[in-house]
Amino acid sequence: MSARLGVFAIAVLGMLTAATLHAATPFTGVPPASSSTPYVPDPASITREGPGYRYPQSGWIVLHTEGEPYDRGYQHGKLLAAEIVENLKSIAAFRSPKAPAEAWRDMRTLVGALFLRRYDAEYLEEMKGIADGAAHAGAKFENRPLDLVDIVALNSNIEVDFLDSGLEATPTGLEGRRFRERLCRDGSGHSRRRHRVWPHHHVSPVCRAALQRVARHQAQGRASHGFSNLSRRNHEWVGLLHERRGAVVLGDDDCADTV
């Protein structure tokens, strides 16, 4: 891969927040204008990292990087370490003003699960370089150095904000299919299933053995008949649901399958 050059005018929507903009002149909100006379920054305002450098211009931070993806990223992270940390802190606080650390932890988990492995290798290499450069410059959040997942989360922040609407518009694969529903006897469509728990000593050994046999049949996918013979007090109570904590739990079957 041939070497590449990168020159960026960094503003609020980049790896920077309004609170962290630094410049010799007031921020105008307008990108540096091109002219026939090249802008010459004050040499004292230029910060360098290898072939990369940064300087302020008209309220913007101009960042120049060059080289392979990781090298460009490393220059980026080293030169903008403070701004990257401030950006991370502002996003974490926006997501949870009362618990920003927990919000960022959840953000890292979400991004690691859904986004991290979907980036092309070149982007991941550059983001890895940003993370390493920023960490080597002392960038930390919650007393730990920034890492690749932090940088991926910063770059995926906008996508996370659109997840809900994106998921609503994404097919599940079940569209157009019909399924069996449980329709209760009153026709409401709402289950009125009740559960009654009896201690073991209220169930005879014969009944308990029969219930256990039903459970085995259900686990094996086999039909079990004669549930009404297992009823107690009321013949509507049929079938073994589960057995736990020294009690047998029975349920009534007052709902019928419908299509």
C-alpha atoms as a PDB file:
ATOM      1  CA  MET A   1       0.000   0.000   0.000  1.00  0.00           C
ATOM      2  CA  SER A   2       1.439   3.338  -0.985  1.00  0.00           C
ATOM      3  CA  ALA A   3       1.982   6.044   1.593  1.00  0.00           C
ATOM      4  CA  ARG A   4      -0.855   8.505   1.999  1.00  0.00           C
ATOM      5  CA  LEU A   5      -1.122  12.073   3.204  1.00  0.00           C
ATOM      6  CA  GLY A   6      -3.854  13.327   5.468  1.00  0.00           C
ATOM      7  CA  VAL A   7      -4.731  16.951   6.196  1.00  0.00           C
ATOM      8  CA  PHE A   8      -7.763  17.594   8.358  1.00  0.00           C
ATOM      9  CA  ALA A   9      -9.503  20.701   9.662  1.00  0.00           C
ATOM     10  CA  ILE A  10     -10.852  19.361  12.952  1.00  0.00           C
ATOM     11  CA  ALA A  11     -14.022  20.894  14.456  1.00  0.00           C
ATOM     12  CA  VAL A  12     -16.896  19.978  16.766  1.00  0.00           C
ATOM     13  CA  LEU A  13     -18.068  17.043  14.640  1.00  0.00           C
ATOM     14  CA  GLY A  14     -14.628  15.452  14.505  1.00  0.00           C
ATOM     15  CA  MET A  15     -12.517  14.117  17.346  1.00  0.00           C
ATOM     16  CA  LEU A  16     -13.049  17.401  19.158  1.00  0.00           C
ATOM     17  CA  THR A  17     -15.646  19.253  21.206  1.00  0.00           C
ATOM     18  CA  ALA A  18     -16.317  22.970  21.247  1.00  0.00           C
ATOM     19  CA  ALA A  19     -14.871  23.252  24.750  1.00  0.00           C
ATOM     20  CA  THR A  20     -11.511  21.985  23.577  1.00  0.00           C
ATOM     21  CA  LEU A  21     -10.955  24.171  20.514  1.00  0.00           C
ATOM     22  CA  HIS A  22      -7.767  26.191  20.809  1.00  0.00           C
ATOM     23  CA  ALA A  23      -6.744  28.924  18.428  1.00  0.00           C
ATOM     24  CA  ALA A  24      -5.056  32.286  18.279  1.00  0.00           C
ATOM     25  CA  THR A  25      -8.122  33.815  16.616  1.00  0.00           C
ATOM     26  CA  PRO A  26     -11.848  33.522  17.475  1.00  0.00           C
ATOM     27  CA  PHE A  27     -13.707  30.536  16.065  1.00  0.00           C
ATOM     28  CA  THR A  28     -15.724  31.661  13.050  1.00  0.00           C
ATOM     29  CA  GLY A  29     -17.438  28.361  12.191  1.00  0.00           C
ATOM     30  CA  VAL A  30     -16.132  28.646   8.636  1.00  0.00           C
ATOM     31  CA  PRO A  31     -13.396  26.280   7.430  1.00  0.00           C
ATOM     32  CA  PRO A  32     -10.102  27.924   6.523  1.00  0.00           C
ATOM     33  CA  ALA A  33     -10.584  29.520   3.121  1.00  0.00           C
ATOM     34  CA  SER A  34      -8.330  28.648   0.240  1.00  0.00           C
ATOM     35  CA  SER A  35      -6.571  31.512  -1.432  1.00  0.00           C
ATOM     36  CA  SER A  36      -3.798  32.139  -3.866  1.00  0.00           C
ATOM     37  CA  THR A  37      -1.572  32.968  -0.893  1.00  0.00           C
ATOM     38  CA  PRO A  38      -0.924  29.862   1.222  1.00  0.00           C
ATOM     39  CA  TYR A  39      -1.551  30.251   4.933  1.00  0.00           C
ATOM     40  CA  VAL A  40       1.673  30.257   6.887  1.00  0.00           C
ATOM     41  CA  PRO A  41       1.185  29.280  10.525  1.00  0.00           C
ATOM     42  CA  ASP A  42       3.217  30.735  13.312  1.00  0.00           C
ATOM     43  CA  PRO A  43       6.124  28.283  13.766  1.00  0.00           C
ATOM     44  CA  ALA A  44       5.654  28.521  17.540  1.00  0.00           C
ATOM     45  CA  SER A  45       2.081  27.164  17.178  1.00  0.00           C
ATOM     46  CA  ILE A  46       3.101  24.001  15.311  1.00  0.00           C
ATOM     47  CA  THR A  47       3.304  20.711  17.225  1.00  0.00           C
ATOM     48  CA  ARG A  48       5.019  17.812  15.468  1.00  0.00           C
ATOM     49  CA  GLU A  49       5.028  14.018  15.716  1.00  0.00           C
ATOM     50  CA  GLY A  50       7.292  12.422  13.122  1.00  0.00           C
ATOM     51  CA  PRO A  51       6.089  13.622   9.716  1.00  0.00           C
ATOM     52  CA  GLY A  52       2.753  14.673  11.243  1.00  0.00           C
ATOM     53  CA  TYR A  53       1.949  18.051  12.754  1.00  0.00           C
ATOM     54  CA  ARG A  54      -0.903  20.272  13.965  1.00  0.00           C
ATOM     55  CA  TYR A  55      -1.500  23.989  14.208  1.00  0.00           C
ATOM     56  CA  PRO A  56      -4.482  26.344  14.821  1.00  0.00           C
ATOM     57  CA  GLN A  57      -6.083  28.337  12.039  1.00  0.00           C
ATOM     58  CA  SER A  58      -9.213  30.509  12.298  1.00  0.00           C
ATOM     59  CA  GLY A  59     -10.485  28.618  15.319  1.00  0.00           C
ATOM     60  CA  TRP A  60      -9.865  25.196  13.760  1.00  0.00           C
ATOM     61  CA  ILE A  61      -7.112  22.697  14.410  1.00  0.00           C
ATOM     62  CA  VAL A  62      -5.375  21.686  11.221  1.00  0.00           C
ATOM     63  CA  LEU A  63      -3.918  18.174  11.477  1.00  0.00           C
ATOM     64  CA  HIS A  64      -1.475  16.718   8.958  1.00  0.00           C
ATOM     65  CA  THR A  65      -0.623  13.007   8.971  1.00  0.00           C
ATOM     66  CA  GLU A  66       1.095  10.784   6.463  1.00  0.00           C
ATOM     67  CA  GLY A  67       2.257   7.197   5.974  1.00  0.00           C
ATOM     68  CA  GLU A  68       0.610   3.819   6.316  1.00  0.00           C
ATOM     69  CA  PRO A  69      -2.690   3.461   8.229  1.00  0.00           C
ATOM     70  CA  TYR A  70      -1.144   2.670  11.608  1.00  0.00           C
ATOM     71  CA  ASP A  71       1.456   5.439  11.229  1.00  0.00           C
ATOM     72  CA  ARG A  72      -1.197   8.010  10.317  1.00  0.00           C
ATOM     73  CA  GLY A  73      -3.271   6.920  13.266  1.00  0.00           C
ATOM     74  CA  TYR A  74      -0.367   7.086  15.682  1.00  0.00           C
ATOM     75  CA  GLN A  75       0.433  10.664  14.627  1.00  0.00           C
ATOM     76  CA  HIS A  76      -3.253  11.537  14.958  1.00  0.00           C
ATOM     77  CA  GLY A  77      -3.537  10.059  18.457  1.00  0.00           C
ATOM     78  CA  LYS A  78      -0.301  11.558  19.726  1.00  0.00           C
ATOM     79  CA  LEU A  79      -1.108  15.056  18.433  1.00  0.00           C
ATOM     80  CA  LEU A  80      -4.767  15.123  19.528  1.00  0.00           C
ATOM     81  CA  ALA A  81      -4.569  13.060  22.721  1.00  0.00           C
ATOM     82  CA  ALA A  82      -6.072  15.735  24.980  1.00  0.00           C
ATOM     83  CA  GLU A  83      -8.936  16.478  22.585  1.00  0.00           C
ATOM     84  CA  ILE A  84      -9.732  12.781  22.167  1.00  0.00           C
ATOM     85  CA  VAL A  85     -10.039  12.317  25.935  1.00  0.00           C
ATOM     86  CA  GLU A  86     -12.293  15.376  26.238  1.00  0.00           C
ATOM     87  CA  ASN A  87     -14.463  14.079  23.419  1.00  0.00           C
ATOM     88  CA  LEU A  88     -14.795  10.683  25.108  1.00  0.00           C
ATOM     89  CA  LYS A  89     -15.683  12.280  28.441  1.00  0.00           C
ATOM     90  CA  SER A  90     -18.324  14.505  26.847  1.00  0.00           C
ATOM     91  CA  ILE A  91     -20.007  11.570  25.078  1.00  0.00           C
ATOM     92  CA  ALA A  92     -19.969   9.436  28.239  1.00  0.00           C
ATOM     93  CA  ALA A  93     -21.470  12.285  30.276  1.00  0.00           C
ATOM     94  CA  PHE A  94     -24.109  12.933  27.599  1.00  0.00           C
ATOM     95  CA  ARG A  95     -25.200   9.285  27.672  1.00  0.00           C
ATOM     96  CA  SER A  96     -25.387   9.212  31.464  1.00  0.00           C
ATOM     97  CA  PRO A  97     -24.707  12.432  33.402  1.00  0.00           C
ATOM     98  CA  LYS A  98     -24.941  10.568  36.702  1.00  0.00           C
ATOM     99  CA  ALA A  99     -22.874   7.517  35.726  1.00  0.00           C
ATOM    100  CA  PRO A 100     -20.623   8.323  32.751  1.00  0.00           C
ATOM    101  CA  ALA A 101     -18.160   5.533  33.517  1.00  0.00           C
ATOM    102  CA  GLU A 102     -20.917   2.912  33.454  1.00  0.00           C
ATOM    103  CA  ALA A 103     -22.383   4.436  30.295  1.00  0.00           C
ATOM    104  CA  TRP A 104     -19.034   4.236  28.536  1.00  0.00           C
ATOM    105  CA  ARG A 105     -18.537   0.659  29.692  1.00  0.00           C
ATOM    106  CA  ASP A 106     -21.888  -0.274  28.137  1.00  0.00           C
ATOM    107  CA  MET A 107     -20.960   1.664  25.010  1.00  0.00           C
ATOM    108  CA  ARG A 108     -17.719  -0.318  24.699  1.00  0.00           C
ATOM    109  CA  THR A 109     -19.597  -3.608  25.064  1.00  0.00           C
ATOM    110  CA  LEU A 110     -22.179  -2.628  22.450  1.00  0.00           C
ATOM    111  CA  VAL A 111     -19.590  -1.411  19.961  1.00  0.00           C
ATOM    112  CA  GLY A 112     -17.376  -4.424  20.557  1.00  0.00           C
ATOM    113  CA  ALA A 113     -20.278  -6.739  19.825  1.00  0.00           C
ATOM    114  CA  LEU A 114     -21.803  -4.970  16.812  1.00  0.00           C
ATOM    115  CA  PHE A 115     -19.251  -2.716  15.116  1.00  0.00           C
ATOM    116  CA  LEU A 116     -15.625  -3.544  15.890  1.00  0.00           C
ATOM    117  CA  ARG A 117     -15.289  -6.585  13.634  1.00  0.00           C
ATOM    118  CA  ARG A 118     -17.187  -5.014  10.743  1.00  0.00           C
ATOM    119  CA  TYR A 119     -14.602  -2.354   9.970  1.00  0.00           C
ATOM    120  CA  ASP A 120     -12.173  -2.927   7.128  1.00  0.00           C
ATOM    121  CA  ALA A 121      -8.618  -3.747   8.167  1.00  0.00           C
ATOM    122  CA  GLU A 122      -7.255  -0.374   7.041  1.00  0.00           C
ATOM    123  CA  TYR A 123      -9.664   1.506   9.308  1.00  0.00           C
ATOM    124  CA  LEU A 124      -8.930  -0.775  12.245  1.00  0.00           C
ATOM    125  CA  GLU A 125      -5.190  -0.326  11.768  1.00  0.00           C
ATOM    126  CA  GLU A 126      -5.559   3.441  11.742  1.00  0.00           C
ATOM    127  CA  MET A 127      -7.802   3.415  14.818  1.00  0.00           C
ATOM    128  CA  LYS A 128      -5.334   1.132  16.569  1.00  0.00           C
ATOM    129  CA  GLY A 129      -2.651   3.692  15.784  1.00  0.00           C
ATOM    130  CA  ILE A 130      -4.832   6.491  17.185  1.00  0.00           C
ATOM    131  CA  ALA A 131      -5.352   4.504  20.389  1.00  0.00           C
ATOM    132  CA  ASP A 132      -1.643   3.748  20.804  1.00  0.00           C
ATOM    133  CA  GLY A 133      -0.562   7.299  20.009  1.00  0.00           C
ATOM    134  CA  ALA A 134      -3.082   8.794  22.434  1.00  0.00           C
ATOM    135  CA  ALA A 135      -2.168   6.300  25.160  1.00  0.00           C
ATOM    136  CA  HIS A 136       1.545   7.009  24.736  1.00  0.00           C
ATOM    137  CA  ALA A 137       0.754  10.711  25.118  1.00  0.00           C
ATOM    138  CA  GLY A 138      -0.938   9.942  28.450  1.00  0.00           C
ATOM    139  CA  ALA A 139      -4.589   9.799  27.357  1.00  0.00           C
ATOM    140  CA  LYS A 140      -6.649   7.993  30.017  1.00  0.00           C
ATOM    141  CA  PHE A 141     -10.257   7.460  31.007  1.00  0.00           C
ATOM    142  CA  GLU A 142     -11.128   6.201  34.487  1.00  0.00           C
ATOM    143  CA  ASN A 143      -7.399   5.728  35.216  1.00  0.00           C
ATOM    144  CA  ARG A 144      -6.771   3.376  32.284  1.00  0.00           C
ATOM    145  CA  PRO A 145      -5.055   4.133  28.972  1.00  0.00           C
ATOM    146  CA  LEU A 146      -7.289   4.492  25.945  1.00  0.00           C
ATOM    147  CA  ASP A 147      -7.406   1.440  23.691  1.00  0.00           C
ATOM    148  CA  LEU A 148      -8.746   0.343  20.309  1.00  0.00           C
ATOM    149  CA  VAL A 149     -12.312  -0.206  21.549  1.00  0.00           C
ATOM    150  CA  ASP A 150     -12.450   3.360  22.877  1.00  0.00           C
ATOM    151  CA  ILE A 151     -11.492   4.774  19.488  1.00  0.00           C
ATOM    152  CA  VAL A 152     -13.912   2.497  17.638  1.00  0.00           C
ATOM    153  CA  ALA A 153     -16.651   3.597  20.041  1.00  0.00           C
ATOM    154  CA  LEU A 154     -15.892   7.261  19.363  1.00  0.00           C
ATOM    155  CA  ASN A 155     -16.088   6.654  15.627  1.00  0.00           C
ATOM    156  CA  SER A 156     -19.292   4.571  15.976  1.00  0.00           C
ATOM    157  CA  ASN A 157     -21.116   6.991  18.255  1.00  0.00           C
ATOM    158  CA  ILE A 158     -23.396   8.367  15.542  1.00  0.00           C
ATOM    159  CA  GLU A 159     -24.232   4.868  14.289  1.00  0.00           C
ATOM    160  CA  VAL A 160     -25.202   3.836  17.828  1.00  0.00           C
ATOM    161  CA  ASP A 161     -27.590   6.792  18.014  1.00  0.00           C
ATOM    162  CA  PHE A 162     -29.394   5.499  14.915  1.00  0.00           C
ATOM    163  CA  LEU A 163     -29.543   1.856  16.024  1.00  0.00           C
ATOM    164  CA  ASP A 164     -33.165   1.943  17.201  1.00  0.00           C
ATOM    165  CA  SER A 165     -34.550   3.338  13.955  1.00  0.00           C
ATOM    166  CA  GLY A 166     -32.218   1.135  11.939  1.00  0.00           C
ATOM    167  CA  LEU A 167     -33.369  -2.011  13.708  1.00  0.00           C
ATOM    168  CA  GLU A 168     -37.026  -1.068  13.220  1.00  0.00           C
ATOM    169  CA  ALA A 169     -36.422  -0.832   9.481  1.00  0.00           C
ATOM    170  CA  THR A 170     -34.416  -4.071   9.256  1.00  0.00           C
ATOM    171  CA  PRO A 171     -36.352  -7.291   8.465  1.00  0.00           C
ATOM    172  CA  THR A 172     -36.194 -10.119  10.996  1.00  0.00           C
ATOM    173  CA  GLY A 173     -36.925 -12.854   8.462  1.00  0.00           C
ATOM    174  CA  LEU A 174     -40.298 -13.637  10.032  1.00  0.00           C
ATOM    175  CA  GLU A 175     -42.276 -11.192   7.925  1.00  0.00           C
ATOM    176  CA  GLY A 176     -45.297 -12.813   6.252  1.00  0.00           C
ATOM    177  CA  ARG A 177     -45.186 -15.973   8.353  1.00  0.00           C
ATOM    178  CA  ARG A 178     -48.062 -17.223  10.528  1.00  0.00           C
ATOM    179  CA  PHE A 179     -47.693 -18.933  13.888  1.00  0.00           C
ATOM    180  CA  ARG A 180     -49.883 -20.850  16.294  1.00  0.00           C
ATOM    181  CA  GLU A 181     -51.257 -18.665  19.059  1.00  0.00           C
ATOM    182  CA  ARG A 182     -52.639 -19.465  22.485  1.00  0.00           C
ATOM    183  CA  LEU A 183     -56.288 -18.354  22.564  1.00  0.00           C
ATOM    184  CA  CYS A 184     -57.993 -18.584  25.958  1.00  0.00           C
ATOM    185  CA  ARG A 185     -61.505 -19.884  26.372  1.00  0.00           C
ATOM    186  CA  ASP A 186     -62.879 -16.394  26.886  1.00  0.00           C
ATOM    187  CA  GLY A 187     -61.589 -15.464  23.406  1.00  0.00           C
ATOM    188  CA  SER A 188     -59.509 -12.585  24.740  1.00  0.00           C
ATOM    189  CA  GLY A 189     -56.244 -13.892  23.403  1.00  0.00           C
ATOM    190  CA  HIS A 190     -54.649 -13.253  26.797  1.00  0.00           C
ATOM    191  CA  SER A 191     -53.403 -16.229  28.714  1.00  0.00           C
ATOM    192  CA  ARG A 192     -55.095 -16.881  32.048  1.00  0.00           C
ATOM    193  CA  ARG A 193     -52.685 -19.641  32.982  1.00  0.00           C
ATOM    194  CA  ARG A 194     -52.408 -20.020  36.722  1.00  0.00           C
ATOM    195  CA  HIS A 195     -49.845 -21.874  38.779  1.00  0.00           C
ATOM    196  CA  ARG A 196     -50.354 -23.638  42.059  1.00  0.00           C
ATOM    197  CA  VAL A 197     -47.454 -24.870  44.165  1.00  0.00           C
ATOM    198  CA  TRP A 198     -47.915 -27.785  46.518  1.00  0.00           C
ATOM    199  CA  PRO A 199     -45.242 -29.134  48.875  1.00  0.00           C
ATOM    200  CA  HIS A 200     -44.060 -32.664  48.125  1.00  0.00           C
ATOM    201  CA  HIS A 201     -45.853 -34.137  51.097  1.00  0.00           C
ATOM    202  CA  HIS A 202     -49.207 -33.037  49.565  1.00  0.00           C
ATOM    203  CA  VAL A 203     -48.541 -35.166  46.464  1.00  0.00           C
ATOM    204  CA  SER A 204     -48.773 -38.929  46.790  1.00  0.00           C
ATOM    205  CA  PRO A 205     -45.750 -41.010  45.699  1.00  0.00           C
ATOM    206  CA  VAL A 206     -47.804 -42.563  42.898  1.00  0.00           C
ATOM    207  CA  CYS A 207     -48.890 -39.160  41.603  1.00  0.00           C
ATOM    208  CA  ARG A 208     -45.368 -37.768  41.889  1.00  0.00           C
ATOM    209  CA  ALA A 209     -43.974 -40.707  39.882  1.00  0.00           C
ATOM    210  CA  ALA A 210     -46.601 -40.144  37.204  1.00  0.00           C
ATOM    211  CA  LEU A 211     -45.766 -36.453  37.045  1.00  0.00           C
ATOM    212  CA  GLN A 212     -42.070 -37.217  36.702  1.00  0.00           C
ATOM    213  CA  ARG A 213     -42.883 -39.623  33.872  1.00  0.00           C
ATOM    214  CA  VAL A 214     -44.823 -36.870  32.104  1.00  0.00           C
ATOM    215  CA  ALA A 215     -41.828 -34.538  32.472  1.00  0.00           C
ATOM    216  CA  ARG A 216     -39.524 -37.142  30.922  1.00  0.00           C
ATOM    217  CA  HIS A 217     -41.910 -37.632  28.016  1.00  0.00           C
ATOM    218  CA  GLN A 218     -42.112 -33.895  27.419  1.00  0.00           C
ATOM    219  CA  ALA A 219     -38.324 -33.596  27.487  1.00  0.00           C
ATOM    220  CA  GLN A 220     -38.121 -36.389  24.882  1.00  0.00           C
ATOM    221  CA  GLY A 221     -40.819 -34.792  22.720  1.00  0.00           C
ATOM    222  CA  ARG A 222     -43.238 -37.648  23.399  1.00  0.00           C
ATOM    223  CA  ALA A 223     -46.960 -37.150  23.995  1.00  0.00           C
ATOM    224  CA  SER A 224     -48.335 -37.906  27.456  1.00  0.00           C
ATOM    225  CA  HIS A 225     -51.993 -38.694  27.982  1.00  0.00           C
ATOM    226  CA  GLY A 226     -54.267 -39.118  30.961  1.00  0.00           C
ATOM    227  CA  PHE A 227     -53.331 -35.820  32.588  1.00  0.00           C
ATOM    228  CA  SER A 228     -56.771 -35.549  34.185  1.00  0.00           C
ATOM    229  CA  ASN A 229     -55.890 -38.602  36.290  1.00  0.00           C
ATOM    230  CA  LEU A 230     -53.221 -36.467  37.953  1.00  0.00           C
ATOM    231  CA  SER A 231     -55.608 -33.738  39.014  1.00  0.00           C
ATOM    232  CA  ARG A 232     -56.155 -32.745  42.618  1.00  0.00           C
ATOM    233  CA  ARG A 233     -59.260 -30.936  43.844  1.00  0.00           C
ATOM    234  CA  ASN A 234     -60.035 -29.669  40.350  1.00  0.00           C
ATOM    235  CA  HIS A 235     -59.827 -31.593  37.087  1.00  0.00           C
ATOM    236  CA  GLU A 236     -58.743 -28.455  35.210  1.00  0.00           C
ATOM    237  CA  TRP A 237     -55.290 -28.708  36.790  1.00  0.00           C
ATOM    238  CA  VAL A 238     -53.251 -30.876  34.472  1.00  0.00           C
ATOM    239  CA  GLY A 239     -49.637 -31.508  33.463  1.00  0.00           C
ATOM    240  CA  LEU A 240     -46.338 -31.119  35.225  1.00  0.00           C
ATOM    241  CA  LEU A 241     -44.639 -27.795  34.511  1.00  0.00           C
ATOM    242  CA  HIS A 242     -41.522 -28.269  36.564  1.00  0.00           C
ATOM    243  CA  GLU A 243     -40.297 -29.603  39.855  1.00  0.00           C
ATOM    244  CA  ARG A 244     -37.973 -27.492  42.003  1.00  0.00           C
ATOM    245  CA  ARG A 245     -37.152 -26.527  45.573  1.00  0.00           C
ATOM    246  CA  GLY A 246     -39.082 -29.414  47.053  1.00  0.00           C
ATOM    247  CA  ALA A 247     -42.397 -28.525  45.447  1.00  0.00           C
ATOM    248  CA  VAL A 248     -44.428 -29.796  42.504  1.00  0.00           C
ATOM    249  CA  VAL A 249     -45.783 -26.991  40.331  1.00  0.00           C
ATOM    250  CA  LEU A 250     -48.970 -27.744  38.387  1.00  0.00           C
ATOM    251  CA  GLY A 251     -50.663 -25.527  35.827  1.00  0.00           C
ATOM    252  CA  ASP A 252     -54.156 -25.443  34.355  1.00  0.00           C
ATOM    253  CA  ASP A 253     -54.639 -25.891  30.632  1.00  0.00           C
ATOM    254  CA  ASP A 254     -57.513 -23.486  30.008  1.00  0.00           C
ATOM    255  CA  CYS A 255     -56.068 -22.209  26.713  1.00  0.00           C
ATOM    256  CA  ALA A 256     -56.385 -23.989  23.378  1.00  0.00           C
ATOM    257  CA  ASP A 257     -54.164 -23.897  20.330  1.00  0.00           C
ATOM    258  CA  THR A 258     -55.492 -21.898  17.423  1.00  0.00           C
ATOM    259  CA  VAL A 259     -54.160 -20.779  14.061  1.00  0.00           C
END
